[in-house]
Every structure is written in structure tokens, then in C-alpha cells.
Protein backbone atom coordinates (compact mmCIF):
# COMPACT_ATOMS: atom_id res chain seq x y z
CA VAL A 1 11.35 10.74 4.96
CA TRP A 2 8.35 8.54 6.43
CA HIS A 3 5.59 10.48 8.33
CA HIS A 4 5.75 10.73 11.92
CA VAL A 5 2.02 10.85 12.87
CA ASN A 6 0.76 13.12 15.70
CA ASP A 7 -1.43 12.21 19.01
CA LEU A 8 -5.33 11.54 18.61
CA LYS A 9 -7.22 10.76 21.04
CA LEU A 10 -10.30 8.42 20.72
CA THR A 11 -12.93 6.05 22.65
CA ASN A 12 -12.79 2.64 21.97
CA GLN A 13 -15.40 0.00 22.19
CA LEU A 14 -14.85 -0.74 26.06
CA GLY A 15 -15.63 3.01 26.14
CA ASN A 16 -12.01 4.24 27.34
CA VAL A 17 -9.99 7.04 26.08
CA VAL A 18 -7.67 5.86 24.27
CA SER A 19 -4.49 7.21 22.18
CA PHE A 20 -1.94 6.68 19.49
CA LYS A 21 0.64 8.32 21.88
CA SER A 22 -0.06 5.33 24.34
CA LEU A 23 0.84 2.96 21.62
CA ARG A 24 4.45 3.93 21.28
CA GLY A 25 6.41 0.86 21.38
CA LYS A 26 3.78 -1.10 19.28
CA VAL A 27 3.68 -1.75 15.58
CA VAL A 28 0.52 -0.32 14.63
CA VAL A 29 -2.40 -1.18 11.79
CA VAL A 30 -5.05 1.31 11.34
CA ASP A 31 -7.87 1.52 8.87
CA PHE A 32 -11.03 3.26 9.22
CA PHE A 33 -14.57 2.17 8.74
CA PHE A 34 -17.91 2.63 9.34
CA THR A 35 -20.54 0.17 10.79
CA ARG A 36 -23.28 1.20 8.28
CA CYS A 37 -20.50 0.18 5.19
CA PRO A 38 -22.69 -1.51 2.31
CA THR A 39 -19.40 -1.83 0.34
CA ILE A 40 -15.83 -2.53 1.61
CA CYS A 41 -15.69 -2.51 5.70
CA PRO A 42 -17.49 -5.75 6.11
CA ASN A 43 -14.35 -7.22 4.57
CA MET A 44 -11.89 -5.02 5.49
CA ALA A 45 -13.12 -6.45 9.08
CA ARG A 46 -12.69 -9.59 8.22
CA ASN A 47 -9.23 -9.26 7.01
CA MET A 48 -8.05 -7.29 9.85
CA LYS A 49 -9.67 -10.28 12.05
CA ARG A 50 -7.55 -13.00 10.03
CA ILE A 51 -4.37 -11.02 10.68
CA GLN A 52 -5.11 -10.33 14.09
CA SER A 53 -5.53 -14.13 14.28
CA SER A 54 -2.22 -15.11 13.05
CA PHE A 55 -0.14 -12.58 15.19
CA ALA A 56 -2.31 -13.75 18.70
CA PRO A 57 1.38 -14.47 20.18
CA SER A 58 2.26 -11.48 19.56
CA ASP A 59 -0.69 -9.20 21.07
CA THR A 60 1.88 -6.84 23.41
CA LEU A 61 3.50 -5.88 20.18
CA LEU A 62 1.36 -5.26 17.65
CA GLN A 63 -2.35 -3.12 17.86
CA PHE A 64 -4.98 -2.77 14.90
CA VAL A 65 -7.17 0.36 15.70
CA SER A 66 -9.53 0.62 13.15
CA ILE A 67 -11.26 4.66 13.44
CA SER A 68 -15.04 5.07 12.49
CA VAL A 69 -15.48 7.71 10.07
CA ASP A 70 -18.90 8.12 11.12
CA PRO A 71 -19.21 9.04 14.35
CA GLU A 72 -22.68 10.53 14.48
CA HIS A 73 -24.14 6.97 14.20
CA ASP A 74 -20.58 4.98 15.29
CA ASP A 75 -21.29 5.32 18.93
CA VAL A 76 -19.46 2.85 22.09
CA SER A 77 -22.53 0.42 21.65
CA ARG A 78 -22.72 0.55 17.91
CA LEU A 79 -18.92 0.03 17.91
CA ARG A 80 -19.14 -3.15 20.60
CA TRP A 81 -21.87 -4.38 18.22
CA TRP A 82 -19.57 -4.77 15.04
CA ALA A 83 -16.41 -5.98 18.00
CA GLU A 84 -19.02 -8.89 18.41
CA LYS A 85 -20.16 -9.35 14.74
CA PHE A 86 -16.40 -9.74 13.78
CA GLY A 87 -15.22 -11.54 16.43
CA VAL A 88 -12.81 -8.57 17.73
CA ASN A 89 -10.21 -9.44 20.50
CA PRO A 90 -10.04 -6.10 22.67
CA ASP A 91 -6.61 -6.56 23.84
CA ASN A 92 -5.14 -5.38 21.18
CA TRP A 93 -7.66 -3.96 18.55
CA TRP A 94 -9.83 -1.59 19.32
CA LEU A 95 -12.22 0.22 17.49
CA THR A 96 -12.94 3.57 18.52
CA THR A 97 -14.52 6.39 17.30
CA GLY A 98 -14.53 10.72 18.53
CA ASN A 99 -14.64 14.16 17.73
CA LYS A 100 -15.52 14.07 13.31
CA ASP A 101 -12.98 16.99 12.67
CA SER A 102 -10.27 15.25 14.72
CA ILE A 103 -10.21 12.53 12.98
CA TYR A 104 -10.48 14.06 9.33
CA ASN A 105 -7.50 15.93 10.04
CA PHE A 106 -6.13 12.90 11.43
CA ALA A 107 -6.97 10.77 8.34
CA LEU A 108 -5.99 13.58 5.86
CA ALA A 109 -3.06 15.54 7.33
CA GLU A 110 -1.19 12.58 9.33
CA MET A 111 -2.08 9.44 7.51
CA LYS A 112 -2.72 10.77 3.97
CA ALA A 113 -5.29 8.96 3.50
CA SER A 114 -8.00 9.53 0.23
CA ILE A 115 -11.27 9.87 -0.38
CA ALA A 116 -11.46 6.75 -2.31
CA ASP A 117 -15.07 5.53 -3.09
CA VAL A 118 -17.23 7.49 -4.48
CA GLY A 119 -20.27 4.82 -4.95
CA VAL A 120 -20.50 6.22 -0.83
CA ASP A 121 -21.32 9.46 0.00
CA THR A 122 -18.02 10.81 -0.49
CA GLY A 123 -18.48 13.15 2.91
CA PHE A 124 -17.00 10.02 4.17
CA ILE A 125 -13.34 8.99 4.33
CA HIS A 126 -13.51 5.67 2.61
CA THR A 127 -10.04 4.40 1.76
CA GLU A 128 -9.47 0.25 1.23
CA ASN A 129 -6.42 0.70 2.71
CA PHE A 130 -4.99 -0.93 5.98
CA PHE A 131 -2.03 1.87 7.38
CA LEU A 132 1.32 0.29 8.94
CA LEU A 133 3.10 1.70 11.48
CA ASP A 134 6.17 0.99 13.02
CA ARG A 135 7.15 1.13 16.71
CA GLN A 136 7.88 5.60 16.87
CA GLY A 137 5.00 6.11 15.11
CA VAL A 138 6.36 6.72 12.03
CA ILE A 139 4.08 5.40 8.72
CA ARG A 140 6.01 2.72 6.59
CA GLY A 141 3.40 1.11 4.38
CA TRP A 142 -0.14 1.37 2.82
CA TYR A 143 -1.65 -1.94 2.05
CA ASN A 144 -5.21 -2.61 -0.12
CA GLY A 145 -7.11 -4.35 3.13
CA THR A 146 -9.25 -6.24 0.31
CA ASP A 147 -6.08 -7.19 -2.31
CA GLU A 148 -4.74 -10.70 -0.96
CA ALA A 149 -1.26 -9.78 -2.54
CA ALA A 150 -1.16 -6.27 -0.20
CA LEU A 151 -2.37 -8.30 2.94
CA LYS A 152 0.46 -11.06 1.89
CA ARG A 153 2.98 -8.30 1.89
CA LEU A 154 1.39 -6.61 5.19
CA VAL A 155 1.76 -10.01 7.12
CA LYS A 156 5.59 -10.17 5.95
CA ASP A 157 6.27 -6.38 7.41
CA ILE A 158 4.83 -6.80 10.48
CA PRO A 159 7.18 -8.69 11.78
CA LEU A 160 10.02 -7.07 10.38
CA LEU A 161 9.16 -3.95 12.36
CA ILE A 162 8.23 -6.07 15.30
CA LEU A 163 11.98 -7.06 15.44
CA GLU A 164 13.85 -3.73 13.86
CA LYS A 165 15.79 -2.31 16.42
CA ASP A 166 15.26 1.99 17.52
CA SER A 167 18.44 3.02 15.75
CA ARG A 168 18.27 6.15 18.39
CA THR A 169 18.93 3.90 21.35
CA SER A 170 22.39 2.41 21.99
CA LEU A 171 22.85 -1.45 22.32
CA PHE A 172 23.84 -0.95 25.99
CA ASP A 173 20.17 0.60 26.56
CA ARG A 174 18.31 -2.67 24.82
CA VAL A 175 20.09 -4.73 26.44
CA LYS A 176 19.35 -3.08 29.77
CA THR A 177 15.61 -3.09 28.91
CA GLU A 178 15.00 -6.22 27.28
CA TYR A 179 17.13 -7.77 30.33
CA LYS A 180 15.20 -5.30 32.75
CA LEU A 181 18.68 -4.96 34.39
CA PRO A 182 19.01 -2.04 37.24
CA GLN A 183 19.63 1.23 35.80
């Protein structure tokens, strides 16, 4: 049984309050980062950008969310700087910040992230994983964001989740929604 993540409200690089609940219906790729990171975060941002660019035609079906684990330093202006540095398209990639306790609880309890990099202050959640959520907010996979083979698996799995049918709705309901038929 896969884990269904609870909601988390954050502020994105545009200063807008965003939430995981609002992403229901989209496939979501999540990672954790901080802008002062001297090790894996810049490489992960470049890899996330490559994935975002390869799925540009699907930007209404796919959302990327990078959550800062250093909200004391990563305010909206700093997130905007990071976004510009890596060419982030804010239409479907949010760089987010928020309450540190809420972020860490979400990372550990909901995303099942671990403290992975002991070369950096272990007060940070510093994992190299990208987390893949289906359209219902269920975790469907963890992928090493610095490993080419893992990234290829992620790129292969994203369209499978985009095309996956929701087993909780009937075929008639799906057709009504897809073709905008009257109620």
C-alpha cells in the first residue's frame, strides 16, 4: 500500500500561497533543497530543469515542487534568484518555503525522506531523492536525482502516471470529464 500525502501549504517563488491539495489531478515531482547548498542541490536543480523541459507540452498535467529545508534563509526573493539561476518555469515548477517545523514534518512523516548527507549540517533534511506522486497524491516512487539511470526511470514513469486511469471513477465519469459532456 502506497502512502497518500497530507496537504502542506507553502509560499512559492512568486509569493503565492500554494498547496499540495491544489495539485490533485496532476502528477507531481518533489524534491528538497536549499539555496546555500554546496553539494547536490545545484546538480539536482539542473536535472529537474532537464526533466521539466522534456515535459513542456504536459505542463498542465505535471507539476514540480522544490521545497526549501532552510526557510530562515530561503525567502521569496532568494527563491526567485534560484529560479532565475536555473531557468525555472514557474507555470509548473514551484520553489517553495514555509514553516520549518511543517516542512520537516512533511518531509519525514509524509514523504518518508531521510537525512542523507552527513557532509552537510545534519540539522537539514538533505536527500538526493526526487519523489513521484500520482494524481491522487500517492507516493509512487523515489529516484536518485543525481543518478542518470534513476532519472531515466523517472522520465519513463511520469507518462505512465499521467496516462493512468483513476480506478475510483467509472468509465462514464471519465468520458464526461474528458469530453466536457453535460451533467
